[in-house]
């Protein structure tokens, strides 16, 4: 059976409670306090962690606090050290200098070096007569010369005319035929120089050529490379041969110059070493010289002398 509201209120088992307003209590305030307590119980209920956001905030606060504490402690330590350093007394340790022992170094006297006299170097003159090549038969001609002109190198007098082969050649006779002059033989040729007015004999087996077009210098070359050349130079002062020679070589000894008359009647001089003959005419000097190159011995000294002996002016 369902009771109505009115019946419930009039029922003997119904307990009536006085409203809170009758006790002087504000029901809304009471409700607020009750809610607050309930919230506190919920928040402080054990076994449940705090929210994460609150944990992060707390961590930041703790770290920041520690940093501040560390900085303060460091500053206090620095102040204490600075104060200690400023108040400390610097003790200077005296430097004790130990005197160096004096060592007596004996003085060793060097003996005077002997004075070596300076010996002047005097050039040694190599004379042509001292470096003639081999002459097997001792006829005055070297073996190389006899081979060139076809004389017998083992027979001093090839034509058996009682004259040595060398003597006949230097007198402008052939050693191959009795009484025959060189100019008519097959042993020599004649070089004619019309520009400077001279003629000269030279071995046919040699090669003759002019160095310049005007024939001022002429070279006669042998098969071995040795050569004889004739050079014409000016003598503007018209000096005699010996004075001209000294003007070219101030250290020369005039007493060593050898006067020379060749087989053509031309006068001249021979240099002290024997490698040059000099002739002169008017304002010109004719130099006949022999060059053996790098050889140690002269293979054709008599053929060189033959050229000088045959030199003749044509005007």
C-alpha atoms as a PDB file:
ATOM      1  CA  UNK A   1       0.000   0.000   0.000  1.00  0.00           C
ATOM      2  CA  UNK A   2       1.377   3.277  -1.062  1.00  0.00           C
ATOM      3  CA  UNK A   3       1.376   6.122   1.382  1.00  0.00           C
ATOM      4  CA  UNK A   4       0.763   9.581   0.261  1.00  0.00           C
ATOM      5  CA  UNK A   5       2.911  12.411   1.274  1.00  0.00           C
ATOM      6  CA  UNK A   6       0.380  13.584   3.781  1.00  0.00           C
ATOM      7  CA  UNK A   7       0.105  10.184   5.298  1.00  0.00           C
ATOM      8  CA  UNK A   8       3.820   9.872   5.664  1.00  0.00           C
ATOM      9  CA  UNK A   9       4.034  13.143   7.495  1.00  0.00           C
ATOM     10  CA  UNK A  10       1.228  12.099   9.894  1.00  0.00           C
ATOM     11  CA  UNK A  11       2.709   8.662  10.501  1.00  0.00           C
ATOM     12  CA  UNK A  12       3.910   7.998  14.073  1.00  0.00           C
ATOM     13  CA  UNK A  13       7.287   6.662  12.727  1.00  0.00           C
ATOM     14  CA  UNK A  14       8.176   9.872  10.931  1.00  0.00           C
ATOM     15  CA  UNK A  15      11.003  11.952  12.502  1.00  0.00           C
ATOM     16  CA  UNK A  16      10.871  15.624  11.910  1.00  0.00           C
ATOM     17  CA  UNK A  17      14.178  17.493  11.787  1.00  0.00           C
ATOM     18  CA  UNK A  18      14.428  21.173  12.476  1.00  0.00           C
ATOM     19  CA  UNK A  19      15.788  23.208   9.650  1.00  0.00           C
ATOM     20  CA  UNK A  20      19.243  24.612  10.189  1.00  0.00           C
ATOM     21  CA  UNK A  21      18.023  28.148   9.917  1.00  0.00           C
ATOM     22  CA  UNK A  22      16.350  27.658  13.297  1.00  0.00           C
ATOM     23  CA  UNK A  23      19.730  26.965  14.849  1.00  0.00           C
ATOM     24  CA  UNK A  24      21.287  30.112  13.488  1.00  0.00           C
ATOM     25  CA  UNK A  25      23.298  28.269  10.827  1.00  0.00           C
ATOM     26  CA  UNK A  26      23.511  29.424   7.240  1.00  0.00           C
ATOM     27  CA  UNK A  27      22.807  26.333   5.258  1.00  0.00           C
ATOM     28  CA  UNK A  28      24.882  27.561   2.240  1.00  0.00           C
ATOM     29  CA  UNK A  29      27.945  28.274   4.393  1.00  0.00           C
ATOM     30  CA  UNK A  30      27.586  24.941   6.044  1.00  0.00           C
ATOM     31  CA  UNK A  31      27.393  23.307   2.693  1.00  0.00           C
ATOM     32  CA  UNK A  32      30.567  25.110   1.563  1.00  0.00           C
ATOM     33  CA  UNK A  33      32.552  23.923   4.580  1.00  0.00           C
ATOM     34  CA  UNK A  34      31.388  20.418   4.057  1.00  0.00           C
ATOM     35  CA  UNK A  35      32.457  20.523   0.416  1.00  0.00           C
ATOM     36  CA  UNK A  36      35.866  21.910   1.358  1.00  0.00           C
ATOM     37  CA  UNK A  37      36.456  19.095   3.791  1.00  0.00           C
ATOM     38  CA  UNK A  38      35.426  16.573   1.257  1.00  0.00           C
ATOM     39  CA  UNK A  39      37.886  18.074  -1.284  1.00  0.00           C
ATOM     40  CA  UNK A  40      40.710  18.085   1.292  1.00  0.00           C
ATOM     41  CA  UNK A  41      40.060  14.473   2.054  1.00  0.00           C
ATOM     42  CA  UNK A  42      40.153  13.663  -1.601  1.00  0.00           C
ATOM     43  CA  UNK A  43      43.407  15.614  -2.143  1.00  0.00           C
ATOM     44  CA  UNK A  44      45.182  14.238   0.945  1.00  0.00           C
ATOM     45  CA  UNK A  45      43.935  10.789   0.527  1.00  0.00           C
ATOM     46  CA  UNK A  46      47.048   8.499   0.805  1.00  0.00           C
ATOM     47  CA  UNK A  47      48.194   6.266  -2.065  1.00  0.00           C
ATOM     48  CA  UNK A  48      47.433   8.696  -4.874  1.00  0.00           C
ATOM     49  CA  UNK A  49      50.222  10.871  -6.567  1.00  0.00           C
ATOM     50  CA  UNK A  50      50.120  14.611  -7.044  1.00  0.00           C
ATOM     51  CA  UNK A  51      49.275  15.890 -10.470  1.00  0.00           C
ATOM     52  CA  UNK A  52      52.282  16.004 -12.915  1.00  0.00           C
ATOM     53  CA  UNK A  53      52.159  19.732 -13.508  1.00  0.00           C
ATOM     54  CA  UNK A  54      52.644  20.410  -9.813  1.00  0.00           C
ATOM     55  CA  UNK A  55      55.636  18.003  -9.752  1.00  0.00           C
ATOM     56  CA  UNK A  56      57.418  19.879 -12.606  1.00  0.00           C
ATOM     57  CA  UNK A  57      56.884  23.213 -10.902  1.00  0.00           C
ATOM     58  CA  UNK A  58      58.321  21.886  -7.693  1.00  0.00           C
ATOM     59  CA  UNK A  59      61.398  20.526  -9.534  1.00  0.00           C
ATOM     60  CA  UNK A  60      62.105  23.884 -11.147  1.00  0.00           C
ATOM     61  CA  UNK A  61      61.785  25.644  -7.807  1.00  0.00           C
ATOM     62  CA  UNK A  62      64.140  23.189  -6.114  1.00  0.00           C
ATOM     63  CA  UNK A  63      66.808  23.420  -8.868  1.00  0.00           C
ATOM     64  CA  UNK A  64      66.662  27.199  -8.947  1.00  0.00           C
ATOM     65  CA  UNK A  65      67.022  27.301  -5.151  1.00  0.00           C
ATOM     66  CA  UNK A  66      70.056  25.010  -5.299  1.00  0.00           C
ATOM     67  CA  UNK A  67      71.709  27.216  -7.922  1.00  0.00           C
ATOM     68  CA  UNK A  68      71.198  30.278  -5.770  1.00  0.00           C
ATOM     69  CA  UNK A  69      72.684  28.476  -2.772  1.00  0.00           C
ATOM     70  CA  UNK A  70      75.712  27.305  -4.802  1.00  0.00           C
ATOM     71  CA  UNK A  71      76.337  30.815  -6.143  1.00  0.00           C
ATOM     72  CA  UNK A  72      76.147  32.281  -2.639  1.00  0.00           C
ATOM     73  CA  UNK A  73      78.549  29.689  -1.276  1.00  0.00           C
ATOM     74  CA  UNK A  74      80.999  30.308  -4.148  1.00  0.00           C
ATOM     75  CA  UNK A  75      80.901  34.040  -3.568  1.00  0.00           C
ATOM     76  CA  UNK A  76      81.543  33.568   0.168  1.00  0.00           C
ATOM     77  CA  UNK A  77      84.509  31.284  -0.576  1.00  0.00           C
ATOM     78  CA  UNK A  78      85.948  33.843  -3.053  1.00  0.00           C
ATOM     79  CA  UNK A  79      85.616  36.656  -0.503  1.00  0.00           C
ATOM     80  CA  UNK A  80      87.346  34.549   2.111  1.00  0.00           C
ATOM     81  CA  UNK A  81      90.218  33.656  -0.281  1.00  0.00           C
ATOM     82  CA  UNK A  82      90.661  37.260  -1.418  1.00  0.00           C
ATOM     83  CA  UNK A  83      90.801  38.442   2.147  1.00  0.00           C
ATOM     84  CA  UNK A  84      93.330  35.757   3.054  1.00  0.00           C
ATOM     85  CA  UNK A  85      95.524  36.601   0.061  1.00  0.00           C
ATOM     86  CA  UNK A  86      95.486  40.331   0.766  1.00  0.00           C
ATOM     87  CA  UNK A  87      96.362  39.816   4.407  1.00  0.00           C
ATOM     88  CA  UNK A  88      99.081  37.207   3.784  1.00  0.00           C
ATOM     89  CA  UNK A  89     102.703  38.322   4.008  1.00  0.00           C
ATOM     90  CA  UNK A  90     104.950  37.565   1.038  1.00  0.00           C
ATOM     91  CA  UNK A  91     108.198  36.168   2.299  1.00  0.00           C
ATOM     92  CA  UNK A  92     111.062  36.838  -0.063  1.00  0.00           C
ATOM     93  CA  UNK A  93     113.664  34.133  -0.037  1.00  0.00           C
ATOM     94  CA  UNK A  94     117.095  35.703  -0.389  1.00  0.00           C
ATOM     95  CA  UNK A  95     119.029  34.552  -3.410  1.00  0.00           C
ATOM     96  CA  UNK A  96     122.436  33.355  -2.460  1.00  0.00           C
ATOM     97  CA  UNK A  97     124.926  33.770  -5.294  1.00  0.00           C
ATOM     98  CA  UNK A  98     127.628  31.177  -5.304  1.00  0.00           C
ATOM     99  CA  UNK A  99     130.847  32.690  -6.654  1.00  0.00           C
ATOM    100  CA  UNK A 100     132.188  30.912  -9.711  1.00  0.00           C
ATOM    101  CA  UNK A 101     135.604  29.446  -9.221  1.00  0.00           C
ATOM    102  CA  UNK A 102     138.318  31.235 -11.134  1.00  0.00           C
ATOM    103  CA  UNK A 103     140.019  28.843 -13.472  1.00  0.00           C
ATOM    104  CA  UNK A 104     143.384  29.844 -14.804  1.00  0.00           C
ATOM    105  CA  UNK A 105     143.536  28.998 -18.500  1.00  0.00           C
ATOM    106  CA  UNK A 106     147.106  28.593 -19.568  1.00  0.00           C
ATOM    107  CA  UNK A 107     148.042  30.693 -22.566  1.00  0.00           C
ATOM    108  CA  UNK A 108     149.595  28.529 -25.228  1.00  0.00           C
ATOM    109  CA  UNK A 109     151.835  30.557 -27.425  1.00  0.00           C
ATOM    110  CA  UNK A 110     151.684  29.493 -31.026  1.00  0.00           C
ATOM    111  CA  UNK A 111     155.002  29.419 -32.756  1.00  0.00           C
ATOM    112  CA  UNK A 112     155.402  31.894 -35.540  1.00  0.00           C
ATOM    113  CA  UNK A 113     154.623  30.397 -38.902  1.00  0.00           C
ATOM    114  CA  UNK A 114     157.617  30.303 -41.143  1.00  0.00           C
ATOM    115  CA  UNK A 115     157.552  32.921 -43.825  1.00  0.00           C
ATOM    116  CA  UNK A 116     157.352  31.186 -47.162  1.00  0.00           C
ATOM    117  CA  UNK A 117     158.817  33.347 -49.879  1.00  0.00           C
ATOM    118  CA  UNK A 118     156.544  33.912 -52.837  1.00  0.00           C
ATOM    119  CA  UNK A 119     158.232  32.565 -55.896  1.00  0.00           C
ATOM    120  CA  UNK A 120     157.046  34.333 -59.015  1.00  0.00           C
ATOM    121  CA  UNK A 121     155.636  32.049 -61.661  1.00  0.00           C
ATOM    122  CA  UNK A 122     157.676  32.373 -64.779  1.00  0.00           C
ATOM    123  CA  UNK A 123     155.961  30.959 -67.847  1.00  0.00           C
ATOM    124  CA  UNK A 124     158.010  28.286 -69.496  1.00  0.00           C
ATOM    125  CA  UNK A 125     158.528  28.916 -73.169  1.00  0.00           C
ATOM    126  CA  UNK A 126     157.866  25.908 -75.354  1.00  0.00           C
ATOM    127  CA  UNK A 127     160.133  26.098 -78.345  1.00  0.00           C
ATOM    128  CA  UNK A 128     159.188  24.485 -81.612  1.00  0.00           C
ATOM    129  CA  UNK A 129     162.647  22.959 -81.958  1.00  0.00           C
ATOM    130  CA  UNK A 130     162.062  20.997 -78.725  1.00  0.00           C
ATOM    131  CA  UNK A 131     158.810  19.318 -79.758  1.00  0.00           C
ATOM    132  CA  UNK A 132     159.566  17.934 -83.207  1.00  0.00           C
ATOM    133  CA  UNK A 133     157.851  14.619 -83.856  1.00  0.00           C
ATOM    134  CA  UNK A 134     159.812  11.391 -84.422  1.00  0.00           C
ATOM    135  CA  UNK A 135     162.508  11.278 -87.122  1.00  0.00           C
ATOM    136  CA  UNK A 136     163.521   7.652 -87.662  1.00  0.00           C
ATOM    137  CA  UNK A 137     166.373   8.234 -90.124  1.00  0.00           C
ATOM    138  CA  UNK A 138     167.605  11.540 -88.638  1.00  0.00           C
ATOM    139  CA  UNK A 139     167.483  13.349 -91.982  1.00  0.00           C
ATOM    140  CA  UNK A 140     165.834  16.471 -90.542  1.00  0.00           C
ATOM    141  CA  UNK A 141     162.311  15.527 -91.677  1.00  0.00           C
ATOM    142  CA  UNK A 142     159.789  14.011 -89.290  1.00  0.00           C
ATOM    143  CA  UNK A 143     158.304  10.652 -90.161  1.00  0.00           C
ATOM    144  CA  UNK A 144     154.945  12.381 -90.759  1.00  0.00           C
ATOM    145  CA  UNK A 145     156.576  14.769 -93.265  1.00  0.00           C
ATOM    146  CA  UNK A 146     158.337  11.958 -95.109  1.00  0.00           C
ATOM    147  CA  UNK A 147     155.073  10.040 -95.323  1.00  0.00           C
ATOM    148  CA  UNK A 148     153.360  13.123 -96.779  1.00  0.00           C
ATOM    149  CA  UNK A 149     155.978  13.872 -99.489  1.00  0.00           C
ATOM    150  CA  UNK A 150     156.796  10.204-100.220  1.00  0.00           C
ATOM    151  CA  UNK A 151     160.464  10.188 -99.183  1.00  0.00           C
ATOM    152  CA  UNK A 152     162.018   7.117 -97.582  1.00  0.00           C
ATOM    153  CA  UNK A 153     161.753   7.525 -93.811  1.00  0.00           C
ATOM    154  CA  UNK A 154     164.451   4.901 -93.302  1.00  0.00           C
ATOM    155  CA  UNK A 155     166.920   6.525 -95.723  1.00  0.00           C
ATOM    156  CA  UNK A 156     168.364   9.990 -94.906  1.00  0.00           C
ATOM    157  CA  UNK A 157     169.154  10.761 -98.567  1.00  0.00           C
ATOM    158  CA  UNK A 158     166.325   9.441-100.668  1.00  0.00           C
ATOM    159  CA  UNK A 159     167.709  10.549-104.069  1.00  0.00           C
ATOM    160  CA  UNK A 160     171.319   9.673-103.103  1.00  0.00           C
ATOM    161  CA  UNK A 161     172.704  13.073-104.124  1.00  0.00           C
ATOM    162  CA  UNK A 162     174.760  13.433-100.942  1.00  0.00           C
ATOM    163  CA  UNK A 163     172.318  15.943 -99.398  1.00  0.00           C
ATOM    164  CA  UNK A 164     170.014  15.088 -96.519  1.00  0.00           C
ATOM    165  CA  UNK A 165     166.334  15.128 -97.398  1.00  0.00           C
ATOM    166  CA  UNK A 166     165.628  17.857 -94.829  1.00  0.00           C
ATOM    167  CA  UNK A 167     168.356  20.147 -96.130  1.00  0.00           C
ATOM    168  CA  UNK A 168     167.174  19.811 -99.709  1.00  0.00           C
ATOM    169  CA  UNK A 169     163.582  20.672 -98.773  1.00  0.00           C
ATOM    170  CA  UNK A 170     164.516  23.821 -96.826  1.00  0.00           C
ATOM    171  CA  UNK A 171     166.662  24.999 -99.738  1.00  0.00           C
ATOM    172  CA  UNK A 172     163.617  24.661-102.007  1.00  0.00           C
ATOM    173  CA  UNK A 173     164.840  21.521-103.791  1.00  0.00           C
ATOM    174  CA  UNK A 174     163.001  18.239-104.016  1.00  0.00           C
ATOM    175  CA  UNK A 175     164.574  15.331-102.112  1.00  0.00           C
ATOM    176  CA  UNK A 176     163.110  12.908-104.652  1.00  0.00           C
ATOM    177  CA  UNK A 177     165.031  14.037-107.748  1.00  0.00           C
ATOM    178  CA  UNK A 178     168.634  15.144-108.039  1.00  0.00           C
ATOM    179  CA  UNK A 179     168.934  18.901-108.682  1.00  0.00           C
ATOM    180  CA  UNK A 180     165.200  19.521-109.222  1.00  0.00           C
ATOM    181  CA  UNK A 181     163.670  22.644-107.686  1.00  0.00           C
ATOM    182  CA  UNK A 182     160.478  22.367-105.630  1.00  0.00           C
ATOM    183  CA  UNK A 183     158.471  24.750-107.777  1.00  0.00           C
ATOM    184  CA  UNK A 184     158.738  22.309-110.677  1.00  0.00           C
ATOM    185  CA  UNK A 185     157.898  19.222-108.643  1.00  0.00           C
ATOM    186  CA  UNK A 186     154.619  17.625-107.712  1.00  0.00           C
ATOM    187  CA  UNK A 187     155.258  18.155-103.996  1.00  0.00           C
ATOM    188  CA  UNK A 188     154.116  21.757-103.677  1.00  0.00           C
ATOM    189  CA  UNK A 189     151.620  24.254-105.070  1.00  0.00           C
ATOM    190  CA  UNK A 190     151.929  28.050-105.216  1.00  0.00           C
ATOM    191  CA  UNK A 191     149.425  30.314-103.494  1.00  0.00           C
ATOM    192  CA  UNK A 192     149.211  33.736-105.165  1.00  0.00           C
ATOM    193  CA  UNK A 193     147.750  36.620-103.180  1.00  0.00           C
ATOM    194  CA  UNK A 194     147.175  39.563-105.570  1.00  0.00           C
ATOM    195  CA  UNK A 195     145.473  41.697-102.895  1.00  0.00           C
ATOM    196  CA  UNK A 196     148.526  41.767-100.635  1.00  0.00           C
ATOM    197  CA  UNK A 197     151.207  41.109-103.266  1.00  0.00           C
ATOM    198  CA  UNK A 198     152.896  37.898-102.162  1.00  0.00           C
ATOM    199  CA  UNK A 199     153.378  34.300-103.347  1.00  0.00           C
ATOM    200  CA  UNK A 200     154.152  31.252-101.237  1.00  0.00           C
ATOM    201  CA  UNK A 201     154.693  27.490-101.666  1.00  0.00           C
ATOM    202  CA  UNK A 202     152.609  25.017 -99.667  1.00  0.00           C
ATOM    203  CA  UNK A 203     152.316  21.179 -99.715  1.00  0.00           C
ATOM    204  CA  UNK A 204     149.893  19.961-102.347  1.00  0.00           C
ATOM    205  CA  UNK A 205     148.385  17.535 -99.815  1.00  0.00           C
ATOM    206  CA  UNK A 206     147.275  20.476 -97.656  1.00  0.00           C
ATOM    207  CA  UNK A 207     144.114  22.529 -98.105  1.00  0.00           C
ATOM    208  CA  UNK A 208     144.432  26.297 -98.725  1.00  0.00           C
ATOM    209  CA  UNK A 209     141.629  28.786 -98.147  1.00  0.00           C
ATOM    210  CA  UNK A 210     141.150  32.499 -97.503  1.00  0.00           C
ATOM    211  CA  UNK A 211     139.419  33.402 -94.247  1.00  0.00           C
ATOM    212  CA  UNK A 212     138.270  36.745 -95.630  1.00  0.00           C
ATOM    213  CA  UNK A 213     137.298  37.709 -99.156  1.00  0.00           C
ATOM    214  CA  UNK A 214     140.172  40.129 -99.499  1.00  0.00           C
ATOM    215  CA  UNK A 215     142.729  37.395 -98.632  1.00  0.00           C
ATOM    216  CA  UNK A 216     143.982  39.305 -95.615  1.00  0.00           C
ATOM    217  CA  UNK A 217     144.204  35.976 -93.766  1.00  0.00           C
ATOM    218  CA  UNK A 218     144.931  32.667 -95.473  1.00  0.00           C
ATOM    219  CA  UNK A 219     145.008  29.228 -93.799  1.00  0.00           C
ATOM    220  CA  UNK A 220     146.831  26.093 -94.974  1.00  0.00           C
ATOM    221  CA  UNK A 221     145.484  23.015 -93.165  1.00  0.00           C
ATOM    222  CA  UNK A 222     147.246  19.636 -92.895  1.00  0.00           C
ATOM    223  CA  UNK A 223     145.532  16.207 -92.792  1.00  0.00           C
ATOM    224  CA  UNK A 224     146.153  16.007 -89.016  1.00  0.00           C
ATOM    225  CA  UNK A 225     144.467  19.355 -88.322  1.00  0.00           C
ATOM    226  CA  UNK A 226     147.677  21.291 -87.743  1.00  0.00           C
ATOM    227  CA  UNK A 227     147.747  24.440 -89.826  1.00  0.00           C
ATOM    228  CA  UNK A 228     149.805  27.416 -90.958  1.00  0.00           C
ATOM    229  CA  UNK A 229     148.202  30.801 -91.478  1.00  0.00           C
ATOM    230  CA  UNK A 230     149.414  34.053 -93.006  1.00  0.00           C
ATOM    231  CA  UNK A 231     147.885  37.230 -91.591  1.00  0.00           C
ATOM    232  CA  UNK A 232     148.458  40.792 -92.791  1.00  0.00           C
ATOM    233  CA  UNK A 233     148.265  43.520 -90.084  1.00  0.00           C
ATOM    234  CA  UNK A 234     148.718  47.284 -90.271  1.00  0.00           C
ATOM    235  CA  UNK A 235     151.868  49.123 -89.193  1.00  0.00           C
ATOM    236  CA  UNK A 236     150.653  52.715 -89.225  1.00  0.00           C
ATOM    237  CA  UNK A 237     153.696  54.057 -87.373  1.00  0.00           C
ATOM    238  CA  UNK A 238     156.035  52.505 -89.959  1.00  0.00           C
ATOM    239  CA  UNK A 239     158.107  50.913 -87.202  1.00  0.00           C
ATOM    240  CA  UNK A 240     160.805  48.431 -88.044  1.00  0.00           C
ATOM    241  CA  UNK A 241     159.920  44.809 -87.365  1.00  0.00           C
ATOM    242  CA  UNK A 242     161.560  44.527 -83.957  1.00  0.00           C
ATOM    243  CA  UNK A 243     160.030  47.764 -82.644  1.00  0.00           C
ATOM    244  CA  UNK A 244     156.638  46.733 -83.966  1.00  0.00           C
ATOM    245  CA  UNK A 245     157.034  43.341 -82.266  1.00  0.00           C
ATOM    246  CA  UNK A 246     157.827  44.993 -78.918  1.00  0.00           C
ATOM    247  CA  UNK A 247     154.776  47.251 -79.294  1.00  0.00           C
ATOM    248  CA  UNK A 248     152.656  44.100 -79.516  1.00  0.00           C
ATOM    249  CA  UNK A 249     154.384  42.348 -76.593  1.00  0.00           C
ATOM    250  CA  UNK A 250     155.889  44.745 -74.056  1.00  0.00           C
ATOM    251  CA  UNK A 251     157.413  41.892 -72.002  1.00  0.00           C
ATOM    252  CA  UNK A 252     159.312  40.444 -74.925  1.00  0.00           C
ATOM    253  CA  UNK A 253     163.094  40.436 -74.890  1.00  0.00           C
ATOM    254  CA  UNK A 254     164.354  41.989 -78.094  1.00  0.00           C
ATOM    255  CA  UNK A 255     167.591  40.027 -77.765  1.00  0.00           C
ATOM    256  CA  UNK A 256     165.629  36.778 -78.230  1.00  0.00           C
ATOM    257  CA  UNK A 257     164.298  37.797 -81.642  1.00  0.00           C
ATOM    258  CA  UNK A 258     166.151  36.024 -84.437  1.00  0.00           C
ATOM    259  CA  UNK A 259     167.003  37.825 -87.667  1.00  0.00           C
ATOM    260  CA  UNK A 260     166.106  35.808 -90.715  1.00  0.00           C
ATOM    261  CA  UNK A 261     166.766  35.942 -94.483  1.00  0.00           C
ATOM    262  CA  UNK A 262     164.670  33.430 -96.399  1.00  0.00           C
ATOM    263  CA  UNK A 263     165.665  31.622 -99.613  1.00  0.00           C
ATOM    264  CA  UNK A 264     163.834  34.229-101.706  1.00  0.00           C
ATOM    265  CA  UNK A 265     165.962  37.048-100.275  1.00  0.00           C
ATOM    266  CA  UNK A 266     163.194  38.483 -98.034  1.00  0.00           C
ATOM    267  CA  UNK A 267     164.354  39.722 -94.628  1.00  0.00           C
ATOM    268  CA  UNK A 268     162.377  39.059 -91.502  1.00  0.00           C
ATOM    269  CA  UNK A 269     162.539  37.948 -87.876  1.00  0.00           C
ATOM    270  CA  UNK A 270     161.608  34.762 -86.004  1.00  0.00           C
ATOM    271  CA  UNK A 271     159.798  34.808 -82.639  1.00  0.00           C
ATOM    272  CA  UNK A 272     161.709  33.437 -79.608  1.00  0.00           C
ATOM    273  CA  UNK A 273     159.608  30.251 -79.532  1.00  0.00           C
ATOM    274  CA  UNK A 274     160.046  29.621 -83.279  1.00  0.00           C
ATOM    275  CA  UNK A 275     156.305  29.385 -84.017  1.00  0.00           C
ATOM    276  CA  UNK A 276     156.100  32.686 -85.975  1.00  0.00           C
ATOM    277  CA  UNK A 277     157.916  34.426 -88.818  1.00  0.00           C
ATOM    278  CA  UNK A 278     157.491  38.158 -89.491  1.00  0.00           C
ATOM    279  CA  UNK A 279     158.015  40.078 -92.740  1.00  0.00           C
ATOM    280  CA  UNK A 280     157.219  43.716 -93.446  1.00  0.00           C
ATOM    281  CA  UNK A 281     156.553  45.945 -96.431  1.00  0.00           C
ATOM    282  CA  UNK A 282     155.615  49.636 -96.260  1.00  0.00           C
ATOM    283  CA  UNK A 283     152.904  49.973 -93.592  1.00  0.00           C
ATOM    284  CA  UNK A 284     152.068  46.261 -93.365  1.00  0.00           C
ATOM    285  CA  UNK A 285     153.409  43.309 -91.382  1.00  0.00           C
ATOM    286  CA  UNK A 286     153.005  39.740 -92.644  1.00  0.00           C
ATOM    287  CA  UNK A 287     152.785  37.146 -89.867  1.00  0.00           C
ATOM    288  CA  UNK A 288     153.344  33.470 -90.781  1.00  0.00           C
ATOM    289  CA  UNK A 289     152.439  31.258 -87.786  1.00  0.00           C
ATOM    290  CA  UNK A 290     152.204  27.535 -87.020  1.00  0.00           C
ATOM    291  CA  UNK A 291     149.458  26.022 -84.839  1.00  0.00           C
ATOM    292  CA  UNK A 292     149.621  22.409 -83.657  1.00  0.00           C
ATOM    293  CA  UNK A 293     146.325  22.545 -81.756  1.00  0.00           C
ATOM    294  CA  UNK A 294     146.136  20.183 -78.766  1.00  0.00           C
ATOM    295  CA  UNK A 295     148.963  17.940 -79.917  1.00  0.00           C
ATOM    296  CA  UNK A 296     152.059  17.511 -77.788  1.00  0.00           C
ATOM    297  CA  UNK A 297     154.389  17.118 -80.755  1.00  0.00           C
ATOM    298  CA  UNK A 298     154.733  19.062 -83.989  1.00  0.00           C
ATOM    299  CA  UNK A 299     154.304  16.790 -86.997  1.00  0.00           C
ATOM    300  CA  UNK A 300     155.164  19.323 -89.732  1.00  0.00           C
ATOM    301  CA  UNK A 301     157.780  21.811 -88.459  1.00  0.00           C
ATOM    302  CA  UNK A 302     159.856  21.624 -91.684  1.00  0.00           C
ATOM    303  CA  UNK A 303     156.869  22.111 -93.972  1.00  0.00           C
ATOM    304  CA  UNK A 304     156.038  25.190 -91.884  1.00  0.00           C
ATOM    305  CA  UNK A 305     159.599  26.412 -92.388  1.00  0.00           C
ATOM    306  CA  UNK A 306     159.269  25.644 -96.130  1.00  0.00           C
ATOM    307  CA  UNK A 307     156.318  28.068 -96.390  1.00  0.00           C
ATOM    308  CA  UNK A 308     158.326  30.803 -94.643  1.00  0.00           C
ATOM    309  CA  UNK A 309     161.414  30.116 -96.790  1.00  0.00           C
ATOM    310  CA  UNK A 310     159.359  30.405-100.006  1.00  0.00           C
ATOM    311  CA  UNK A 311     157.546  33.659 -99.060  1.00  0.00           C
ATOM    312  CA  UNK A 312     158.192  36.395-101.641  1.00  0.00           C
ATOM    313  CA  UNK A 313     156.713  39.824-102.438  1.00  0.00           C
ATOM    314  CA  UNK A 314     155.475  40.162-106.009  1.00  0.00           C
ATOM    315  CA  UNK A 315     155.743  43.955-106.204  1.00  0.00           C
END
